[in-house]
Amino acid sequence: MNLDFLKNEWEQASKETQKNWDKLTKEDMQKAKGNLKELKNIIQEKYDLTKDEVDEEFDKFTGKMKTKFKMFGKNLEDDAEILKMEAEDKVEDLKDDAEILKMEAEDKVEETSKKIKRETEEKTKEATEKMKKGIEDIKNKLN
């Protein structure tokens, strides 16, 4: 049986192991420190079991642990999927907000352009009127 998951998650596995075999101490777990053969030897001593009995009990325990760790991993995957969907929703909301801001900016640009055009036309009209008056004054003076 591949027990790498226990070695990789030793801290959590230690707690679960101590729950299963309550005679084990923190010192026992530190002594084993991920060495499963050493852990089995400690269990065999503390519980006065044969090697075969320890192997059988340990196989049952690690089967439960694998299920538990898989469920833990599945919960993390589910949480990650939920977070991904929430992030995608936020991105869509931001895109919508950006589109609204873009339309508002375009409206402001159009409004400002019309205002500038109107003011330019008014100034041009005033300047034209002044030039016409000036030309009229010059003509009157020449006559």
Protein backbone atom coordinates (compact mmCIF):
# COMPACT_ATOMS: atom_id res chain seq x y z
CA MET A 1 0.00 0.00 0.00
CA ASN A 2 1.36 3.45 -0.90
CA LEU A 3 1.46 5.49 2.28
CA ASP A 4 3.21 8.58 0.93
CA PHE A 5 0.16 10.66 1.84
CA LEU A 6 0.87 9.90 5.52
CA LYS A 7 4.50 10.94 5.19
CA ASN A 8 3.58 14.13 3.36
CA GLU A 9 0.91 15.07 5.90
CA TRP A 10 2.71 13.81 9.01
CA GLU A 11 1.46 16.48 11.40
CA GLN A 12 -2.20 15.82 10.63
CA ALA A 13 -1.58 12.08 10.33
CA SER A 14 0.08 12.11 13.79
CA LYS A 15 -3.02 13.59 15.35
CA GLU A 16 -5.27 11.06 13.63
CA THR A 17 -2.92 8.21 14.58
CA GLN A 18 -3.00 9.27 18.23
CA LYS A 19 -6.80 9.38 18.11
CA ASN A 20 -6.85 5.83 16.75
CA TRP A 21 -4.19 4.49 19.16
CA ASP A 22 -4.67 6.55 22.30
CA LYS A 23 -1.66 5.04 24.11
CA LEU A 24 0.66 6.79 21.66
CA THR A 25 2.28 9.97 22.97
CA LYS A 26 3.61 13.02 21.17
CA GLU A 27 7.08 11.69 21.99
CA ASP A 28 6.22 8.40 20.25
CA MET A 29 5.07 10.30 17.19
CA GLN A 30 8.21 12.45 17.19
CA LYS A 31 10.33 9.31 17.50
CA ALA A 32 8.60 7.78 14.45
CA LYS A 33 8.72 11.13 12.55
CA GLY A 34 7.19 9.74 9.35
CA ASN A 35 8.99 6.38 9.55
CA LEU A 36 6.07 4.00 9.25
CA LYS A 37 8.09 0.92 10.18
CA GLU A 38 9.14 2.65 13.42
CA LEU A 39 5.56 3.70 14.08
CA LYS A 40 4.34 0.12 13.64
CA ASN A 41 7.05 -1.10 16.03
CA ILE A 42 5.93 1.44 18.66
CA ILE A 43 2.28 0.37 18.24
CA GLN A 44 3.28 -3.28 18.48
CA GLU A 45 5.12 -2.61 21.77
CA LYS A 46 2.47 -0.37 23.36
CA TYR A 47 -0.46 -2.63 22.49
CA ASP A 48 1.30 -6.00 22.80
CA LEU A 49 0.28 -7.02 19.28
CA THR A 50 1.94 -9.32 16.77
CA LYS A 51 3.48 -7.87 13.63
CA ASP A 52 0.59 -9.32 11.57
CA GLU A 53 -2.00 -7.81 13.91
CA VAL A 54 -0.33 -4.39 13.68
CA ASP A 55 -0.16 -4.67 9.87
CA GLU A 56 -3.86 -5.57 9.70
CA GLU A 57 -4.92 -2.76 12.07
CA PHE A 58 -2.63 -0.31 10.32
CA ASP A 59 -4.08 -1.23 6.89
CA LYS A 60 -7.61 -0.55 8.22
CA PHE A 61 -6.49 2.73 9.72
CA THR A 62 -4.63 3.93 6.61
CA GLY A 63 -7.65 3.02 4.47
CA LYS A 64 -9.79 5.31 6.65
CA MET A 65 -7.10 7.97 6.49
CA LYS A 66 -6.88 7.83 2.71
CA THR A 67 -10.63 8.29 2.50
CA LYS A 68 -10.48 11.19 4.94
CA PHE A 69 -7.62 12.89 3.10
CA LYS A 70 -9.35 12.37 -0.26
CA MET A 71 -12.52 13.92 1.17
CA PHE A 72 -10.42 16.79 2.55
CA GLY A 73 -8.85 17.21 -0.88
CA LYS A 74 -12.26 17.02 -2.54
CA ASN A 75 -13.55 19.73 -0.19
CA LEU A 76 -10.59 21.90 -1.16
CA GLU A 77 -11.29 21.24 -4.83
CA ASP A 78 -14.95 22.17 -4.30
CA ASP A 79 -13.94 25.33 -2.43
CA ALA A 80 -11.51 26.21 -5.21
CA GLU A 81 -14.24 25.70 -7.83
CA ILE A 82 -16.62 27.94 -5.89
CA LEU A 83 -13.94 30.62 -5.58
CA LYS A 84 -13.20 30.31 -9.29
CA MET A 85 -16.88 30.78 -10.16
CA GLU A 86 -17.14 33.75 -7.80
CA ALA A 87 -14.03 35.28 -9.36
CA GLU A 88 -15.47 34.76 -12.86
CA ASP A 89 -18.69 36.48 -11.74
CA LYS A 90 -16.66 39.40 -10.35
CA VAL A 91 -14.75 39.65 -13.64
CA GLU A 92 -18.06 39.78 -15.53
CA ASP A 93 -19.35 42.46 -13.15
CA LEU A 94 -16.17 44.46 -13.69
CA LYS A 95 -16.48 44.09 -17.45
CA ASP A 96 -20.08 45.37 -17.22
CA ASP A 97 -18.94 48.28 -15.04
CA ALA A 98 -16.15 49.06 -17.49
CA GLU A 99 -18.61 49.04 -20.42
CA ILE A 100 -20.91 51.44 -18.55
CA LEU A 101 -17.97 53.74 -17.77
CA LYS A 102 -16.89 53.59 -21.41
CA MET A 103 -20.38 54.59 -22.59
CA GLU A 104 -20.51 57.41 -20.02
CA ALA A 105 -17.09 58.63 -21.17
CA GLU A 106 -18.19 58.52 -24.81
CA ASP A 107 -21.30 60.52 -23.91
CA LYS A 108 -19.14 63.10 -22.09
CA VAL A 109 -16.80 63.35 -25.07
CA GLU A 110 -19.74 63.85 -27.42
CA GLU A 111 -21.32 66.42 -25.10
CA THR A 112 -18.01 68.29 -24.73
CA SER A 113 -17.43 68.18 -28.49
CA LYS A 114 -20.87 69.69 -29.12
CA LYS A 115 -20.24 72.38 -26.51
CA ILE A 116 -16.87 73.26 -28.05
CA LYS A 117 -18.41 73.33 -31.53
CA ARG A 118 -21.25 75.56 -30.32
CA GLU A 119 -18.83 77.95 -28.54
CA THR A 120 -16.55 78.00 -31.58
CA GLU A 121 -19.49 78.83 -33.84
CA GLU A 122 -20.56 81.62 -31.45
CA LYS A 123 -17.02 83.06 -31.31
CA THR A 124 -16.70 82.77 -35.06
CA LYS A 125 -20.05 84.53 -35.51
CA GLU A 126 -18.98 87.31 -33.06
CA ALA A 127 -15.64 87.69 -34.83
CA THR A 128 -17.38 87.79 -38.23
CA GLU A 129 -19.81 90.45 -36.96
CA LYS A 130 -16.90 92.52 -35.62
CA MET A 131 -15.05 92.19 -38.93
CA LYS A 132 -18.15 93.19 -40.90
CA LYS A 133 -18.65 96.20 -38.62
CA GLY A 134 -14.98 97.11 -38.98
CA ILE A 135 -15.20 96.86 -42.77
CA GLU A 136 -18.38 98.94 -42.72
CA ASP A 137 -16.66 101.58 -40.58
CA ILE A 138 -13.71 101.68 -42.96
CA LYS A 139 -16.02 102.03 -45.96
CA ASN A 140 -17.90 104.87 -44.25
CA LYS A 141 -14.69 106.68 -43.49
CA LEU A 142 -13.52 106.32 -47.08
CA ASN A 143 -16.69 107.72 -48.46
